[in-house]
């Protein structure tokens, strides 16, 4: 459940949800990491700001899903909504050489209105910019990846990155808001919402 409560000059957001499952048909034995990225006026007061999941195998039925049901639980406080928190997820697995390589990145903003949300994140990976770099990456087993996945939530410098779509991830949130009108912001509650989140422009 996500609750927003007001105190003297601040509002608080307590969020709980799940990283439910993902589709990566070409891979097996993967795990995910997550972190929250937010503006300078936001402070984490309790819960986990980042985490790492267990390794899971692809299901053997026709869906071929990776199922984590990995919990999310964090509480923020802030004085204004600028820099509203974003969830950034990174998925990793082993390649044929046994190297730990990235299988996909995804991100989305946390919901701002009350309701039950299920979001589908479009996952993507960075690509080498030249044929020589691609060959070098293949020979060394080192795939392109971001030094810090938090940069994905920032606009600066992201336009120079070449990416390729790869897989999808499903996350869920339960949201309850209160007293946002006190700070001059209007939002409308909803009981169910399903949203597709795309990655950065390619």
Protein backbone atom coordinates (compact mmCIF):
# COMPACT_ATOMS: atom_id res chain seq x y z
CA UNK A 1 0.00 0.00 0.00
CA UNK A 2 1.18 3.56 -0.68
CA UNK A 3 0.04 6.33 1.65
CA UNK A 4 0.67 10.04 1.44
CA UNK A 5 0.42 11.89 4.77
CA UNK A 6 1.04 15.52 5.50
CA UNK A 7 3.07 16.92 8.33
CA UNK A 8 4.20 20.48 8.99
CA UNK A 9 5.25 21.67 5.52
CA UNK A 10 5.89 18.21 4.06
CA UNK A 11 4.01 15.29 2.60
CA UNK A 12 5.06 11.67 2.91
CA UNK A 13 4.72 8.74 0.53
CA UNK A 14 4.87 5.18 1.80
CA UNK A 15 4.96 2.72 -1.08
CA UNK A 16 4.70 -1.05 -1.28
CA UNK A 17 4.58 -3.09 -4.45
CA UNK A 18 6.19 -5.92 -6.37
CA UNK A 19 8.50 -6.59 -9.25
CA UNK A 20 6.33 -9.41 -10.50
CA UNK A 21 7.74 -11.01 -13.64
CA UNK A 22 9.61 -10.47 -16.89
CA UNK A 23 9.89 -11.83 -20.41
CA UNK A 24 13.33 -12.48 -21.88
CA UNK A 25 12.86 -15.36 -24.31
CA UNK A 26 16.55 -15.70 -25.24
CA UNK A 27 17.92 -16.10 -21.71
CA UNK A 28 17.72 -18.11 -18.49
CA UNK A 29 18.98 -17.80 -14.91
CA UNK A 30 18.61 -14.05 -14.43
CA UNK A 31 18.22 -11.71 -11.46
CA UNK A 32 17.29 -8.06 -11.05
CA UNK A 33 18.43 -5.01 -9.11
CA UNK A 34 16.31 -1.97 -8.38
CA UNK A 35 16.82 1.53 -7.01
CA UNK A 36 14.75 4.68 -6.57
CA UNK A 37 15.90 7.96 -8.11
CA UNK A 38 14.40 11.21 -6.84
CA UNK A 39 14.96 14.95 -6.63
CA UNK A 40 16.96 16.92 -4.05
CA UNK A 41 13.86 17.82 -2.01
CA UNK A 42 13.01 14.17 -1.36
CA UNK A 43 14.28 12.12 1.59
CA UNK A 44 13.91 8.38 2.28
CA UNK A 45 12.62 8.04 5.85
CA UNK A 46 12.21 4.26 6.02
CA UNK A 47 12.27 1.12 3.91
CA UNK A 48 14.75 0.04 1.26
CA UNK A 49 16.03 2.44 -1.35
CA UNK A 50 17.58 -0.35 -3.42
CA UNK A 51 17.67 -4.14 -3.52
CA UNK A 52 18.71 -7.27 -5.40
CA UNK A 53 16.54 -10.31 -6.11
CA UNK A 54 17.11 -14.03 -6.21
CA UNK A 55 18.18 -15.80 -9.43
CA UNK A 56 15.20 -17.30 -11.26
CA UNK A 57 14.74 -19.66 -14.19
CA UNK A 58 12.31 -19.25 -17.06
CA UNK A 59 9.02 -21.07 -16.50
CA UNK A 60 8.59 -24.26 -18.49
CA UNK A 61 5.02 -23.53 -19.60
CA UNK A 62 3.94 -21.67 -22.74
CA UNK A 63 4.35 -18.25 -21.06
CA UNK A 64 8.09 -18.69 -20.43
CA UNK A 65 8.10 -16.04 -17.71
CA UNK A 66 10.70 -15.17 -15.10
CA UNK A 67 8.73 -14.79 -11.87
CA UNK A 68 10.23 -12.91 -8.90
CA UNK A 69 7.34 -11.40 -6.93
CA UNK A 70 10.09 -9.30 -5.37
CA UNK A 71 8.71 -6.81 -2.79
CA UNK A 72 9.16 -3.04 -2.89
CA UNK A 73 8.77 -1.09 0.35
CA UNK A 74 9.93 2.50 0.88
CA UNK A 75 8.77 5.77 2.47
CA UNK A 76 9.64 9.25 1.20
CA UNK A 77 9.02 12.74 2.47
CA UNK A 78 9.24 15.93 0.45
CA UNK A 79 8.28 19.58 0.35
CA UNK A 80 7.33 19.65 -3.36
CA UNK A 81 6.70 17.14 -6.17
CA UNK A 82 9.63 18.19 -8.35
CA UNK A 83 11.88 15.17 -8.83
CA UNK A 84 9.02 12.73 -8.19
CA UNK A 85 10.60 9.32 -7.47
CA UNK A 86 11.32 6.90 -10.29
CA UNK A 87 11.91 3.17 -10.11
CA UNK A 88 14.95 2.01 -12.10
CA UNK A 89 15.40 -1.73 -12.68
CA UNK A 90 18.43 -3.60 -14.07
CA UNK A 91 18.36 -7.29 -15.07
CA UNK A 92 21.54 -9.41 -15.20
CA UNK A 93 22.51 -12.93 -16.21
CA UNK A 94 25.44 -15.06 -17.36
CA UNK A 95 26.55 -15.21 -21.00
CA UNK A 96 28.12 -18.22 -22.72
CA UNK A 97 31.54 -17.28 -21.31
CA UNK A 98 30.23 -17.18 -17.73
CA UNK A 99 30.40 -13.39 -17.50
CA UNK A 100 27.76 -11.47 -15.57
CA UNK A 101 26.20 -9.17 -18.19
CA UNK A 102 23.19 -6.87 -18.32
CA UNK A 103 20.04 -8.26 -19.94
CA UNK A 104 17.91 -5.15 -19.73
CA UNK A 105 17.18 -1.81 -18.10
CA UNK A 106 13.75 -0.33 -17.39
CA UNK A 107 12.26 2.56 -15.46
CA UNK A 108 9.00 4.32 -14.58
CA UNK A 109 7.68 7.07 -12.32
CA UNK A 110 5.83 6.03 -9.19
CA UNK A 111 2.06 6.63 -9.40
CA UNK A 112 0.80 10.00 -8.19
CA UNK A 113 -2.90 9.13 -7.74
CA UNK A 114 -4.67 6.63 -5.54
CA UNK A 115 -5.42 3.20 -6.98
CA UNK A 116 -4.06 -0.19 -7.95
CA UNK A 117 -1.49 -0.04 -10.73
CA UNK A 118 0.15 -2.64 -12.92
CA UNK A 119 2.88 -1.28 -15.16
CA UNK A 120 4.71 -2.96 -18.01
CA UNK A 121 8.26 -1.69 -18.44
CA UNK A 122 9.87 -1.84 -21.87
CA UNK A 123 13.37 -3.16 -21.22
CA UNK A 124 16.37 -2.12 -23.28
CA UNK A 125 20.15 -2.50 -23.46
CA UNK A 126 22.84 -0.10 -24.74
CA UNK A 127 24.55 -1.01 -27.99
CA UNK A 128 28.07 -0.49 -29.31
CA UNK A 129 28.33 2.40 -31.74
CA UNK A 130 30.63 0.69 -34.27
CA UNK A 131 31.27 -2.74 -35.77
CA UNK A 132 34.76 -2.80 -34.24
CA UNK A 133 33.35 -2.18 -30.79
CA UNK A 134 30.77 -4.92 -31.29
CA UNK A 135 33.50 -7.38 -32.31
CA UNK A 136 35.67 -6.37 -29.34
CA UNK A 137 32.75 -6.83 -26.95
CA UNK A 138 32.02 -10.29 -28.36
CA UNK A 139 35.67 -11.42 -28.13
CA UNK A 140 36.20 -10.12 -24.60
CA UNK A 141 32.76 -11.04 -23.27
CA UNK A 142 32.25 -7.48 -22.06
CA UNK A 143 28.89 -6.06 -23.13
CA UNK A 144 28.07 -2.32 -23.06
CA UNK A 145 26.38 -1.27 -19.82
CA UNK A 146 25.85 1.84 -17.75
CA UNK A 147 28.33 2.56 -14.97
CA UNK A 148 25.44 3.83 -12.85
CA UNK A 149 21.87 2.87 -13.81
CA UNK A 150 20.59 5.96 -11.97
CA UNK A 151 21.61 8.08 -14.94
CA UNK A 152 18.68 6.60 -16.86
CA UNK A 153 16.32 8.71 -14.75
CA UNK A 154 18.19 11.87 -15.77
CA UNK A 155 17.70 13.63 -19.07
CA UNK A 156 21.21 14.98 -19.47
CA UNK A 157 23.45 13.02 -21.84
CA UNK A 158 20.95 10.24 -22.45
CA UNK A 159 20.25 11.25 -26.04
CA UNK A 160 23.73 10.16 -27.17
CA UNK A 161 23.17 6.55 -26.08
CA UNK A 162 22.25 3.96 -28.70
CA UNK A 163 19.90 1.32 -27.31
CA UNK A 164 17.99 -1.78 -28.41
CA UNK A 165 14.67 -3.04 -27.04
CA UNK A 166 14.94 -6.34 -25.22
CA UNK A 167 12.15 -7.87 -23.13
CA UNK A 168 9.42 -6.59 -20.82
CA UNK A 169 8.92 -6.46 -17.05
CA UNK A 170 5.73 -6.20 -14.98
CA UNK A 171 5.56 -4.28 -11.71
CA UNK A 172 2.60 -3.50 -9.46
CA UNK A 173 1.82 -0.71 -6.99
CA UNK A 174 -0.99 -0.03 -4.51
CA UNK A 175 -1.43 3.69 -3.95
CA UNK A 176 -3.40 5.81 -1.48
CA UNK A 177 -3.01 9.60 -1.45
CA UNK A 178 -4.20 12.22 0.99
CA UNK A 179 -4.13 16.01 1.38
CA UNK A 180 -2.26 16.84 -1.80
CA UNK A 181 -4.80 19.62 -2.36
CA UNK A 182 -3.38 21.28 0.74
CA UNK A 183 -0.23 21.99 -1.27
CA UNK A 184 -2.18 23.17 -4.32
CA UNK A 185 -2.02 19.92 -6.31
CA UNK A 186 -5.06 18.10 -7.65
CA UNK A 187 -5.13 14.41 -8.51
CA UNK A 188 -7.87 11.88 -9.01
CA UNK A 189 -7.97 8.39 -7.52
CA UNK A 190 -8.45 5.27 -9.56
CA UNK A 191 -9.09 1.71 -8.49
CA UNK A 192 -7.31 -0.05 -11.32
CA UNK A 193 -4.87 1.02 -13.97
CA UNK A 194 -2.60 -0.76 -16.40
CA UNK A 195 0.14 1.32 -17.98
CA UNK A 196 2.88 0.54 -20.48
CA UNK A 197 6.15 2.41 -19.82
CA UNK A 198 8.54 2.85 -22.72
CA UNK A 199 12.29 3.23 -22.41
CA UNK A 200 14.41 6.18 -23.53
CA UNK A 201 14.08 7.27 -27.13
CA UNK A 202 16.26 5.28 -29.44
